[in-house]
Amino acid sequence: MSADPVPAGQVPSADPVSAELGRLRDSIDNLDAALVHVLAERFKCTQHVGRLKARHAMPPADPVREAQQIDRLRRLAAAAKLDPEFAEKFLNFIIAEVLRHHEAIEGP
């Protein structure tokens, strides 16, 4: 007779440390899933922005908006006790991907 499979992220053990580690890993897995879904929604919005810009012959990049977003995200990160440098790097990575998408969109 085989034992029931262990849920993802959980370590098979009655050890309280292992049990807590499993619960924490399950929480991390849930947060990762939420991040992926939020990023997907964000990219849907930025695709609409890219198409709108292309239709109106606007440049893909908007350095003023990007600087505002970086400043805003750094403040949010600091308030959330997240390293603002990390938050800026993360946003810059996203901005680079958004620009790559915008540049690939054909104009009218």
Protein backbone atom coordinates (compact mmCIF):
# COMPACT_ATOMS: atom_id res chain seq x y z
CA MET A 1 0.00 0.00 0.00
CA SER A 2 1.50 3.39 -0.98
CA ALA A 3 1.28 6.59 1.01
CA ASP A 4 -0.69 9.58 -0.23
CA PRO A 5 1.43 11.97 -2.32
CA VAL A 6 2.86 14.93 -0.45
CA PRO A 7 1.47 18.33 -1.58
CA ALA A 8 3.86 20.55 -3.54
CA GLY A 9 6.29 22.41 -1.31
CA GLN A 10 5.75 20.16 1.71
CA VAL A 11 8.38 17.91 3.18
CA PRO A 12 7.13 14.47 4.31
CA SER A 13 7.78 14.63 8.03
CA ALA A 14 6.07 15.06 11.36
CA ASP A 15 8.87 17.46 12.30
CA PRO A 16 7.33 20.88 13.19
CA VAL A 17 10.12 22.74 11.37
CA SER A 18 9.50 20.74 8.21
CA ALA A 19 5.76 21.32 8.54
CA GLU A 20 6.26 25.08 8.89
CA LEU A 21 8.69 25.06 5.97
CA GLY A 22 6.05 23.29 3.89
CA ARG A 23 3.38 25.86 4.81
CA LEU A 24 5.73 28.72 3.98
CA ARG A 25 6.63 27.16 0.65
CA ASP A 26 2.95 26.71 -0.17
CA SER A 27 2.44 30.43 0.55
CA ILE A 28 5.38 31.28 -1.71
CA ASP A 29 3.91 29.11 -4.47
CA ASN A 30 0.57 30.91 -4.15
CA LEU A 31 2.26 34.32 -4.24
CA ASP A 32 4.29 33.31 -7.31
CA ALA A 33 1.07 32.29 -9.06
CA ALA A 34 -0.52 35.62 -8.14
CA LEU A 35 2.52 37.49 -9.49
CA VAL A 36 2.29 35.66 -12.81
CA HIS A 37 -1.41 36.50 -13.15
CA VAL A 38 -0.88 40.16 -12.20
CA LEU A 39 2.00 40.45 -14.68
CA ALA A 40 -0.16 38.91 -17.40
CA GLU A 41 -2.87 41.51 -16.73
CA ARG A 42 -0.26 44.29 -16.75
CA PHE A 43 1.07 43.13 -20.11
CA LYS A 44 -2.46 43.03 -21.54
CA CYS A 45 -2.79 46.71 -20.61
CA THR A 46 0.62 47.60 -22.02
CA GLN A 47 -0.24 45.81 -25.28
CA HIS A 48 -3.28 48.10 -25.59
CA VAL A 49 -1.01 51.09 -24.90
CA GLY A 50 1.41 49.89 -27.57
CA ARG A 51 -1.32 49.52 -30.19
CA LEU A 52 -2.73 52.96 -29.33
CA LYS A 53 0.72 54.52 -29.64
CA ALA A 54 1.34 52.76 -32.96
CA ARG A 55 -2.01 53.94 -34.38
CA HIS A 56 -1.15 57.52 -33.50
CA ALA A 57 2.51 57.38 -34.56
CA MET A 58 3.72 57.90 -31.00
CA PRO A 59 7.15 56.61 -29.96
CA PRO A 60 7.23 53.32 -28.04
CA ALA A 61 9.22 54.82 -25.17
CA ASP A 62 8.07 57.61 -22.87
CA PRO A 63 11.07 58.52 -20.69
CA VAL A 64 9.05 60.99 -18.57
CA ARG A 65 6.41 58.36 -17.76
CA GLU A 66 9.11 55.75 -17.08
CA ALA A 67 10.90 58.08 -14.63
CA GLN A 68 7.59 58.79 -12.87
CA GLN A 69 6.87 55.07 -12.60
CA ILE A 70 10.32 54.31 -11.22
CA ASP A 71 10.00 57.07 -8.62
CA ARG A 72 6.51 55.89 -7.66
CA LEU A 73 7.57 52.26 -7.40
CA ARG A 74 10.62 53.15 -5.28
CA ARG A 75 8.33 54.99 -2.84
CA LEU A 76 5.89 52.08 -2.73
CA ALA A 77 8.75 49.66 -2.16
CA ALA A 78 10.16 51.71 0.70
CA ALA A 79 6.72 51.92 2.32
CA ALA A 80 6.36 48.13 1.98
CA LYS A 81 9.84 47.55 3.46
CA LEU A 82 11.11 46.21 0.12
CA ASP A 83 14.51 47.32 -1.17
CA PRO A 84 13.83 50.27 -3.55
CA GLU A 85 16.89 49.30 -5.63
CA PHE A 86 15.42 45.85 -6.19
CA ALA A 87 12.03 47.36 -7.07
CA GLU A 88 13.68 49.68 -9.59
CA LYS A 89 15.60 46.82 -11.21
CA PHE A 90 12.39 44.80 -11.39
CA LEU A 91 10.48 47.66 -13.03
CA ASN A 92 13.34 48.36 -15.45
CA PHE A 93 13.20 44.70 -16.51
CA ILE A 94 9.44 45.00 -17.10
CA ILE A 95 9.84 48.32 -18.97
CA ALA A 96 12.45 46.77 -21.27
CA GLU A 97 10.07 43.92 -22.11
CA VAL A 98 7.17 46.32 -22.67
CA LEU A 99 9.30 48.42 -25.03
CA ARG A 100 10.33 45.30 -26.93
CA HIS A 101 6.63 44.49 -27.39
CA HIS A 102 5.78 48.07 -28.40
CA GLU A 103 8.57 48.17 -30.97
CA ALA A 104 7.23 44.97 -32.53
CA ILE A 105 3.75 46.47 -33.04
CA GLU A 106 3.21 47.77 -36.55
CA GLY A 107 1.72 51.21 -37.08
CA PRO A 108 -1.34 51.89 -39.28
